[in-house]
Amino acid sequence: MAIVELRFSALPEHVRTARLVAAAVARRAGVDEAVLDELRLAVGEACSRAVGLHQSSGISAPVKVALIEEEKQFSIEVGDEAPHAAPGDTPGATQDGEAEVEEDEMGLAVISGLVDDVQVTTGHDGGRIRMTWPTTPPATALV
């Protein structure tokens, strides 16, 4: 198993770099070329979500991205350190809070539409989105 770890300040301008690095590592890992555009979009959405959560929560910790190459699959994990409240955990939520929740749900829906295998875990100490794609082994040269 090979892992590339990327950490970046929670600033929107770093999301593009994360997308480019993820696509380059995915290509090298054997992810099908036809899927790379969706992969870039999904990573961009996940990283933008993490950046937004950090900014709205006043968290200065970096956003973490792990690019994991395993046998027959490639996974990307995007982690944030923002506290995630369980539904019904926020009595008296404001309209701004409701708008943020709707935007968060929309982002997760976009990711789910782009990636077949998505796992989202959240808690009071942060969240993680894990996206997985199948890989094909590199063709061996016949001599």
N, C-alpha and C. Protein backbone atom coordinates (compact mmCIF):
# COMPACT_ATOMS: atom_id res chain seq x y z
N MET A 1 0.85 -1.17 0.00
CA MET A 1 0.00 0.00 0.00
C MET A 1 0.89 1.24 0.00
N ALA A 2 0.60 2.16 -0.90
CA ALA A 2 1.33 3.42 -0.99
C ALA A 2 0.39 4.57 -0.63
N ILE A 3 0.88 5.48 0.20
CA ILE A 3 0.05 6.62 0.62
C ILE A 3 0.81 7.91 0.35
N VAL A 4 0.10 8.86 -0.27
CA VAL A 4 0.61 10.21 -0.42
C VAL A 4 -0.29 11.07 0.46
N GLU A 5 0.33 11.85 1.35
CA GLU A 5 -0.48 12.70 2.23
C GLU A 5 -0.25 14.16 1.87
N LEU A 6 -1.34 14.88 1.79
CA LEU A 6 -1.30 16.29 1.43
C LEU A 6 -2.03 17.05 2.52
N ARG A 7 -1.43 18.11 3.02
CA ARG A 7 -2.07 18.99 4.00
C ARG A 7 -1.97 20.41 3.46
N PHE A 8 -3.09 21.13 3.55
CA PHE A 8 -3.05 22.51 3.08
C PHE A 8 -3.90 23.41 3.95
N SER A 9 -3.51 24.68 4.02
CA SER A 9 -4.27 25.67 4.77
C SER A 9 -5.68 25.73 4.22
N ALA A 10 -6.64 25.95 5.10
CA ALA A 10 -8.05 25.96 4.70
C ALA A 10 -8.38 27.24 3.93
N LEU A 11 -7.82 27.32 2.73
CA LEU A 11 -8.06 28.46 1.84
C LEU A 11 -8.51 27.93 0.49
N PRO A 12 -9.53 28.56 -0.09
CA PRO A 12 -10.07 28.06 -1.37
C PRO A 12 -9.03 27.95 -2.49
N GLU A 13 -8.03 28.81 -2.48
CA GLU A 13 -7.04 28.77 -3.56
C GLU A 13 -6.19 27.51 -3.56
N HIS A 14 -6.17 26.75 -2.47
CA HIS A 14 -5.39 25.52 -2.42
C HIS A 14 -6.16 24.30 -2.94
N VAL A 15 -7.47 24.44 -3.13
CA VAL A 15 -8.29 23.32 -3.59
C VAL A 15 -7.84 22.87 -4.99
N ARG A 16 -7.54 23.80 -5.86
CA ARG A 16 -7.10 23.46 -7.23
C ARG A 16 -5.85 22.59 -7.20
N THR A 17 -4.90 22.94 -6.34
CA THR A 17 -3.67 22.16 -6.22
C THR A 17 -3.98 20.74 -5.75
N ALA A 18 -4.88 20.61 -4.78
CA ALA A 18 -5.27 19.28 -4.29
C ALA A 18 -5.88 18.45 -5.41
N ARG A 19 -6.73 19.08 -6.23
CA ARG A 19 -7.35 18.36 -7.36
C ARG A 19 -6.29 17.87 -8.34
N LEU A 20 -5.33 18.73 -8.67
CA LEU A 20 -4.29 18.37 -9.64
C LEU A 20 -3.41 17.24 -9.11
N VAL A 21 -3.02 17.32 -7.84
CA VAL A 21 -2.18 16.27 -7.25
C VAL A 21 -2.95 14.96 -7.21
N ALA A 22 -4.21 15.01 -6.80
CA ALA A 22 -5.03 13.79 -6.72
C ALA A 22 -5.15 13.13 -8.09
N ALA A 23 -5.39 13.91 -9.13
CA ALA A 23 -5.53 13.35 -10.47
C ALA A 23 -4.22 12.73 -10.95
N ALA A 24 -3.11 13.38 -10.67
CA ALA A 24 -1.81 12.85 -11.10
C ALA A 24 -1.49 11.53 -10.39
N VAL A 25 -1.75 11.46 -9.10
CA VAL A 25 -1.47 10.23 -8.35
C VAL A 25 -2.43 9.13 -8.78
N ALA A 26 -3.69 9.49 -9.02
CA ALA A 26 -4.69 8.50 -9.47
C ALA A 26 -4.31 7.92 -10.82
N ARG A 27 -3.85 8.76 -11.72
CA ARG A 27 -3.43 8.29 -13.05
C ARG A 27 -2.28 7.30 -12.90
N ARG A 28 -1.31 7.65 -12.07
CA ARG A 28 -0.17 6.76 -11.85
C ARG A 28 -0.59 5.44 -11.20
N ALA A 29 -1.64 5.50 -10.36
CA ALA A 29 -2.12 4.30 -9.66
C ALA A 29 -2.91 3.36 -10.57
N GLY A 30 -3.33 3.86 -11.75
CA GLY A 30 -4.05 3.00 -12.68
C GLY A 30 -5.54 3.25 -12.75
N VAL A 31 -6.00 4.41 -12.25
CA VAL A 31 -7.41 4.75 -12.39
C VAL A 31 -7.67 5.06 -13.86
N ASP A 32 -8.78 4.57 -14.38
CA ASP A 32 -9.14 4.73 -15.78
C ASP A 32 -9.19 6.22 -16.17
N GLU A 33 -8.58 6.55 -17.29
CA GLU A 33 -8.55 7.94 -17.79
C GLU A 33 -9.94 8.54 -17.90
N ALA A 34 -10.93 7.73 -18.26
CA ALA A 34 -12.30 8.22 -18.46
C ALA A 34 -12.93 8.70 -17.16
N VAL A 35 -12.37 8.31 -16.02
CA VAL A 35 -12.94 8.66 -14.72
C VAL A 35 -12.23 9.86 -14.08
N LEU A 36 -11.10 10.27 -14.63
CA LEU A 36 -10.29 11.31 -13.98
C LEU A 36 -11.01 12.65 -13.84
N ASP A 37 -11.84 13.03 -14.81
CA ASP A 37 -12.57 14.29 -14.68
C ASP A 37 -13.52 14.25 -13.48
N GLU A 38 -14.24 13.13 -13.33
CA GLU A 38 -15.15 12.99 -12.19
C GLU A 38 -14.37 12.96 -10.89
N LEU A 39 -13.21 12.31 -10.90
CA LEU A 39 -12.36 12.26 -9.72
C LEU A 39 -11.94 13.67 -9.31
N ARG A 40 -11.49 14.47 -10.28
CA ARG A 40 -11.09 15.85 -10.00
C ARG A 40 -12.24 16.65 -9.40
N LEU A 41 -13.42 16.51 -10.00
CA LEU A 41 -14.58 17.24 -9.50
C LEU A 41 -14.94 16.81 -8.08
N ALA A 42 -14.93 15.52 -7.82
CA ALA A 42 -15.27 15.00 -6.49
C ALA A 42 -14.27 15.47 -5.44
N VAL A 43 -12.99 15.42 -5.77
CA VAL A 43 -11.96 15.88 -4.84
C VAL A 43 -12.12 17.38 -4.59
N GLY A 44 -12.38 18.13 -5.64
CA GLY A 44 -12.59 19.56 -5.48
C GLY A 44 -13.77 19.86 -4.57
N GLU A 45 -14.85 19.13 -4.75
CA GLU A 45 -16.04 19.31 -3.92
C GLU A 45 -15.76 18.96 -2.46
N ALA A 46 -15.09 17.83 -2.24
CA ALA A 46 -14.77 17.39 -0.87
C ALA A 46 -13.82 18.38 -0.18
N CYS A 47 -12.82 18.85 -0.92
CA CYS A 47 -11.87 19.80 -0.34
C CYS A 47 -12.53 21.16 -0.08
N SER A 48 -13.37 21.61 -1.00
CA SER A 48 -14.09 22.88 -0.81
C SER A 48 -14.99 22.79 0.42
N ARG A 49 -15.63 21.65 0.60
CA ARG A 49 -16.48 21.43 1.77
C ARG A 49 -15.66 21.53 3.04
N ALA A 50 -14.50 20.86 3.07
CA ALA A 50 -13.63 20.88 4.25
C ALA A 50 -13.13 22.30 4.53
N VAL A 51 -12.73 23.01 3.49
CA VAL A 51 -12.28 24.40 3.65
C VAL A 51 -13.41 25.25 4.25
N GLY A 52 -14.61 25.12 3.71
CA GLY A 52 -15.75 25.88 4.22
C GLY A 52 -16.05 25.57 5.67
N LEU A 53 -15.99 24.28 6.03
CA LEU A 53 -16.24 23.89 7.43
C LEU A 53 -15.17 24.47 8.36
N HIS A 54 -13.92 24.44 7.94
CA HIS A 54 -12.86 25.02 8.76
C HIS A 54 -13.04 26.52 8.91
N GLN A 55 -13.34 27.19 7.82
CA GLN A 55 -13.49 28.64 7.88
C GLN A 55 -14.69 29.05 8.73
N SER A 56 -15.82 28.37 8.57
CA SER A 56 -17.01 28.74 9.33
C SER A 56 -16.89 28.40 10.81
N SER A 57 -16.02 27.45 11.14
CA SER A 57 -15.82 27.06 12.54
C SER A 57 -14.61 27.76 13.17
N GLY A 58 -13.88 28.54 12.37
CA GLY A 58 -12.71 29.24 12.89
C GLY A 58 -11.55 28.31 13.22
N ILE A 59 -11.41 27.23 12.47
CA ILE A 59 -10.36 26.24 12.71
C ILE A 59 -9.15 26.57 11.84
N SER A 60 -7.98 26.66 12.47
CA SER A 60 -6.77 27.01 11.72
C SER A 60 -5.98 25.77 11.28
N ALA A 61 -6.40 24.60 11.73
CA ALA A 61 -5.70 23.36 11.35
C ALA A 61 -5.82 23.14 9.84
N PRO A 62 -4.84 22.47 9.24
CA PRO A 62 -4.91 22.23 7.80
C PRO A 62 -5.95 21.17 7.44
N VAL A 63 -6.41 21.24 6.20
CA VAL A 63 -7.26 20.19 5.63
C VAL A 63 -6.31 19.05 5.25
N LYS A 64 -6.73 17.82 5.49
CA LYS A 64 -5.87 16.66 5.23
C LYS A 64 -6.46 15.84 4.08
N VAL A 65 -5.59 15.48 3.15
CA VAL A 65 -5.98 14.63 2.03
C VAL A 65 -4.99 13.47 1.97
N ALA A 66 -5.52 12.26 1.97
CA ALA A 66 -4.68 11.06 1.83
C ALA A 66 -5.04 10.38 0.52
N LEU A 67 -4.04 10.09 -0.28
CA LEU A 67 -4.20 9.41 -1.56
C LEU A 67 -3.62 8.02 -1.36
N ILE A 68 -4.48 7.01 -1.40
CA ILE A 68 -4.10 5.66 -0.98
C ILE A 68 -4.20 4.68 -2.15
N GLU A 69 -3.06 4.14 -2.52
CA GLU A 69 -3.01 3.15 -3.61
C GLU A 69 -2.93 1.76 -2.98
N GLU A 70 -3.96 0.96 -3.23
CA GLU A 70 -4.00 -0.41 -2.72
C GLU A 70 -4.14 -1.35 -3.91
N GLU A 71 -4.11 -2.64 -3.63
CA GLU A 71 -4.26 -3.60 -4.71
C GLU A 71 -5.67 -3.48 -5.29
N LYS A 72 -5.76 -3.20 -6.57
CA LYS A 72 -7.00 -3.13 -7.34
C LYS A 72 -7.91 -1.96 -6.99
N GLN A 73 -7.45 -1.00 -6.15
CA GLN A 73 -8.28 0.17 -5.89
C GLN A 73 -7.43 1.36 -5.46
N PHE A 74 -7.99 2.53 -5.66
CA PHE A 74 -7.36 3.79 -5.29
C PHE A 74 -8.38 4.58 -4.49
N SER A 75 -7.98 5.05 -3.32
CA SER A 75 -8.89 5.80 -2.46
C SER A 75 -8.33 7.17 -2.14
N ILE A 76 -9.24 8.11 -1.96
CA ILE A 76 -8.89 9.45 -1.52
C ILE A 76 -9.72 9.75 -0.29
N GLU A 77 -9.03 10.15 0.78
CA GLU A 77 -9.71 10.55 2.01
C GLU A 77 -9.47 12.03 2.24
N VAL A 78 -10.54 12.77 2.41
CA VAL A 78 -10.46 14.19 2.72
C VAL A 78 -10.99 14.36 4.13
N GLY A 79 -10.14 14.88 5.02
CA GLY A 79 -10.53 15.02 6.42
C GLY A 79 -10.57 16.46 6.87
N ASP A 80 -11.52 16.74 7.75
CA ASP A 80 -11.61 18.06 8.36
C ASP A 80 -11.64 17.89 9.87
N GLU A 81 -11.42 18.97 10.59
CA GLU A 81 -11.45 18.93 12.05
C GLU A 81 -12.61 19.72 12.62
N ALA A 82 -13.58 20.04 11.78
CA ALA A 82 -14.75 20.81 12.23
C ALA A 82 -15.71 19.90 12.98
N PRO A 83 -16.29 20.39 14.07
CA PRO A 83 -17.29 19.58 14.77
C PRO A 83 -18.55 19.45 13.94
N HIS A 84 -19.06 18.25 13.83
CA HIS A 84 -20.28 17.98 13.07
C HIS A 84 -21.35 17.61 14.06
N ALA A 85 -22.41 18.37 14.08
CA ALA A 85 -23.52 18.08 14.99
C ALA A 85 -24.42 17.03 14.37
N ALA A 86 -24.93 16.16 15.21
CA ALA A 86 -25.90 15.17 14.75
C ALA A 86 -27.22 15.88 14.48
N PRO A 87 -28.05 15.36 13.58
CA PRO A 87 -29.34 15.99 13.33
C PRO A 87 -30.12 16.15 14.63
N GLY A 88 -30.68 17.34 14.82
CA GLY A 88 -31.43 17.62 16.03
C GLY A 88 -30.54 18.04 17.19
N ASP A 89 -29.22 18.09 16.97
CA ASP A 89 -28.27 18.46 18.01
C ASP A 89 -28.18 19.96 18.23
N THR A 90 -28.73 20.74 17.31
CA THR A 90 -28.56 22.18 17.37
C THR A 90 -29.90 22.88 17.58
N PRO A 91 -30.39 22.91 18.83
CA PRO A 91 -31.65 23.59 19.06
C PRO A 91 -31.51 25.08 18.78
N GLY A 92 -32.55 25.66 18.19
CA GLY A 92 -32.52 27.09 17.89
C GLY A 92 -31.56 27.44 16.78
N ALA A 93 -31.35 26.55 15.83
CA ALA A 93 -30.43 26.83 14.72
C ALA A 93 -30.93 28.03 13.93
N THR A 94 -30.00 28.84 13.48
CA THR A 94 -30.35 30.04 12.73
C THR A 94 -30.58 29.70 11.27
N GLN A 95 -31.13 30.67 10.54
CA GLN A 95 -31.32 30.45 9.10
C GLN A 95 -29.97 30.27 8.41
N ASP A 96 -28.94 31.01 8.88
CA ASP A 96 -27.60 30.85 8.31
C ASP A 96 -27.11 29.42 8.52
N GLY A 97 -27.35 28.88 9.71
CA GLY A 97 -26.95 27.50 10.01
C GLY A 97 -27.68 26.51 9.14
N GLU A 98 -28.98 26.76 8.90
CA GLU A 98 -29.76 25.88 8.04
C GLU A 98 -29.25 25.95 6.60
N ALA A 99 -28.86 27.13 6.14
CA ALA A 99 -28.33 27.29 4.79
C ALA A 99 -27.01 26.53 4.65
N GLU A 100 -26.17 26.57 5.70
CA GLU A 100 -24.91 25.84 5.66
C GLU A 100 -25.15 24.34 5.59
N VAL A 101 -26.14 23.86 6.34
CA VAL A 101 -26.47 22.43 6.31
C VAL A 101 -26.95 22.03 4.93
N GLU A 102 -27.80 22.85 4.32
CA GLU A 102 -28.29 22.55 2.97
C GLU A 102 -27.14 22.53 1.97
N GLU A 103 -26.22 23.49 2.08
CA GLU A 103 -25.07 23.54 1.17
C GLU A 103 -24.19 22.31 1.37
N ASP A 104 -24.00 21.90 2.63
CA ASP A 104 -23.21 20.71 2.94
C ASP A 104 -23.85 19.47 2.33
N GLU A 105 -25.17 19.34 2.49
CA GLU A 105 -25.88 18.19 1.92
C GLU A 105 -25.80 18.19 0.40
N MET A 106 -25.87 19.37 -0.21
CA MET A 106 -25.77 19.46 -1.67
C MET A 106 -24.39 19.01 -2.13
N GLY A 107 -23.34 19.42 -1.42
CA GLY A 107 -21.98 19.00 -1.76
C GLY A 107 -21.82 17.49 -1.66
N LEU A 108 -22.38 16.90 -0.61
CA LEU A 108 -22.30 15.45 -0.46
C LEU A 108 -23.09 14.73 -1.56
N ALA A 109 -24.21 15.33 -1.97
CA ALA A 109 -25.00 14.74 -3.06
C ALA A 109 -24.21 14.78 -4.37
N VAL A 110 -23.51 15.87 -4.62
CA VAL A 110 -22.69 15.98 -5.83
C VAL A 110 -21.60 14.91 -5.82
N ILE A 111 -20.93 14.74 -4.68
CA ILE A 111 -19.87 13.74 -4.57
C ILE A 111 -20.45 12.34 -4.81
N SER A 112 -21.59 12.06 -4.20
CA SER A 112 -22.23 10.74 -4.37
C SER A 112 -22.62 10.49 -5.82
N GLY A 113 -22.96 11.55 -6.55
CA GLY A 113 -23.30 11.40 -7.96
C GLY A 113 -22.08 11.15 -8.84
N LEU A 114 -20.91 11.56 -8.37
CA LEU A 114 -19.68 11.42 -9.15
C LEU A 114 -18.91 10.14 -8.83
N VAL A 115 -19.08 9.61 -7.62
CA VAL A 115 -18.29 8.48 -7.16
C VAL A 115 -19.23 7.37 -6.70
N ASP A 116 -19.00 6.16 -7.19
CA ASP A 116 -19.85 5.03 -6.82
C ASP A 116 -19.63 4.58 -5.38
N ASP A 117 -18.39 4.61 -4.92
CA ASP A 117 -18.05 4.11 -3.58
C ASP A 117 -17.62 5.27 -2.70
N VAL A 118 -18.54 5.79 -1.87
CA VAL A 118 -18.27 6.93 -0.99
C VAL A 118 -18.68 6.56 0.43
N GLN A 119 -17.83 6.90 1.37
CA GLN A 119 -18.14 6.72 2.79
C GLN A 119 -17.92 8.05 3.48
N VAL A 120 -18.92 8.50 4.24
CA VAL A 120 -18.82 9.75 4.98
C VAL A 120 -18.96 9.44 6.46
N THR A 121 -17.97 9.87 7.24
CA THR A 121 -18.06 9.72 8.69
C THR A 121 -17.89 11.10 9.30
N THR A 122 -18.72 11.38 10.31
CA THR A 122 -18.65 12.68 10.97
C THR A 122 -18.80 12.47 12.47
N GLY A 123 -18.29 13.43 13.21
CA GLY A 123 -18.39 13.41 14.66
C GLY A 123 -18.08 14.78 15.21
N HIS A 124 -18.04 14.87 16.51
CA HIS A 124 -17.77 16.15 17.14
C HIS A 124 -16.32 16.60 16.96
N ASP A 125 -15.43 15.67 16.58
CA ASP A 125 -14.02 16.02 16.41
C ASP A 125 -13.60 16.10 14.94
N GLY A 126 -14.56 16.08 14.03
CA GLY A 126 -14.22 16.22 12.62
C GLY A 126 -14.93 15.21 11.74
N GLY A 127 -14.62 15.25 10.47
CA GLY A 127 -15.26 14.35 9.53
C GLY A 127 -14.28 13.86 8.49
N ARG A 128 -14.73 12.86 7.73
CA ARG A 128 -13.88 12.27 6.69
C ARG A 128 -14.76 11.79 5.56
N ILE A 129 -14.34 12.08 4.35
CA ILE A 129 -14.99 11.54 3.17
C ILE A 129 -13.97 10.64 2.49
N ARG A 130 -14.34 9.37 2.30
CA ARG A 130 -13.46 8.41 1.62
C ARG A 130 -14.13 8.02 0.31
N MET A 131 -13.41 8.25 -0.78
CA MET A 131 -13.90 7.94 -2.13
C MET A 131 -12.96 6.89 -2.72
N THR A 132 -13.53 5.87 -3.35
CA THR A 132 -12.71 4.77 -3.87
C THR A 132 -13.07 4.47 -5.31
N TRP A 133 -12.04 4.22 -6.13
CA TRP A 133 -12.19 3.86 -7.53
C TRP A 133 -11.39 2.59 -7.80
N PRO A 134 -11.87 1.75 -8.73
CA PRO A 134 -11.08 0.57 -9.11
C PRO A 134 -9.89 0.99 -9.96
N THR A 135 -8.86 0.17 -9.93
CA THR A 135 -7.69 0.43 -10.77
C THR A 135 -7.44 -0.78 -11.65
N THR A 136 -6.73 -0.54 -12.72
CA THR A 136 -6.31 -1.63 -13.59
C THR A 136 -4.78 -1.68 -13.54
N PRO A 137 -4.23 -2.87 -13.47
CA PRO A 137 -2.77 -2.96 -13.42
C PRO A 137 -2.18 -2.45 -14.73
N PRO A 138 -0.99 -1.86 -14.66
CA PRO A 138 -0.35 -1.39 -15.89
C PRO A 138 -0.07 -2.55 -16.84
N ALA A 139 -0.21 -2.29 -18.12
CA ALA A 139 0.05 -3.32 -19.13
C ALA A 139 1.54 -3.66 -19.12
N THR A 140 1.83 -4.93 -19.22
CA THR A 140 3.23 -5.35 -19.26
C THR A 140 3.64 -5.47 -20.72
N ALA A 141 4.84 -5.04 -20.95
CA ALA A 141 5.37 -5.07 -22.32
C ALA A 141 5.75 -6.51 -22.70
N LEU A 142 5.34 -6.91 -23.86
CA LEU A 142 5.71 -8.23 -24.36
C LEU A 142 7.01 -8.09 -25.16
N VAL A 143 7.95 -8.94 -24.85
CA VAL A 143 9.24 -8.86 -25.53
C VAL A 143 9.42 -10.03 -26.43
